[in-house]
Amino acid sequence: MEISGVSMSMPSSINTGVEIAILSKALDTAAMTGEVLTEMMGQAPVIPGLGEHIDIRV
């Protein structure tokens, strides 16, 4: 039986439970990624004057 056939034969409560579990995992992953990025930004060295001037030559 194909996956689509299995999905159609499962009760909707199981489908909803699986969807909620997948969404929960995705939200947990996004939260963890945000925390790691915030931590990395706090550890980045601060270089005074970096990005203040841009040399443009045509």
Protein backbone atom coordinates (compact mmCIF):
# COMPACT_ATOMS: atom_id res chain seq x y z
CA MET A 1 0.00 0.00 0.00
CA GLU A 2 1.27 3.46 -0.83
CA ILE A 3 1.84 6.13 1.79
CA SER A 4 -1.11 8.16 0.51
CA GLY A 5 -3.34 5.12 0.91
CA VAL A 6 -2.15 4.55 4.46
CA SER A 7 -2.75 8.20 5.27
CA MET A 8 -6.29 8.03 3.92
CA SER A 9 -7.09 4.89 5.92
CA MET A 10 -5.88 6.29 9.27
CA PRO A 11 -8.43 7.92 11.56
CA SER A 12 -8.36 11.71 11.51
CA SER A 13 -7.46 11.84 15.21
CA ILE A 14 -4.20 10.03 14.48
CA ASN A 15 -3.48 12.37 11.59
CA THR A 16 -4.13 15.38 13.82
CA GLY A 17 -1.88 13.94 16.53
CA VAL A 18 0.92 13.40 14.04
CA GLU A 19 0.51 16.90 12.62
CA ILE A 20 0.65 18.41 16.10
CA ALA A 21 3.75 16.39 16.96
CA ILE A 22 5.52 17.52 13.78
CA LEU A 23 4.55 21.16 14.38
CA SER A 24 5.75 20.93 17.98
CA LYS A 25 9.11 19.54 16.85
CA ALA A 26 9.45 22.31 14.24
CA LEU A 27 8.70 24.97 16.85
CA ASP A 28 11.22 23.46 19.26
CA THR A 29 13.86 23.43 16.53
CA ALA A 30 13.13 27.06 15.61
CA ALA A 31 13.35 28.14 19.26
CA MET A 32 16.66 26.31 19.72
CA THR A 33 18.05 27.87 16.54
CA GLY A 34 17.03 31.33 17.74
CA GLU A 35 18.70 30.79 21.09
CA VAL A 36 21.93 29.62 19.45
CA LEU A 37 21.95 32.59 17.06
CA THR A 38 21.34 35.02 19.93
CA GLU A 39 24.19 33.44 21.89
CA MET A 40 26.51 33.64 18.87
CA MET A 41 25.69 37.31 18.35
CA GLY A 42 26.59 38.01 21.97
CA GLN A 43 29.97 36.32 21.53
CA ALA A 44 30.89 38.15 18.33
CA PRO A 45 33.80 40.54 18.78
CA VAL A 46 32.92 44.21 18.58
CA ILE A 47 35.24 46.09 16.22
CA PRO A 48 34.89 49.86 16.63
CA GLY A 49 34.30 51.71 13.38
CA LEU A 50 33.63 48.59 11.35
CA GLY A 51 31.13 49.35 8.60
CA GLU A 52 31.09 53.11 9.12
CA HIS A 53 32.73 53.90 5.78
CA ILE A 54 32.38 52.28 2.39
CA ASP A 55 34.83 53.00 -0.42
CA ILE A 56 33.04 53.12 -3.77
CA ARG A 57 34.99 53.53 -6.98
CA VAL A 58 33.31 53.76 -10.32
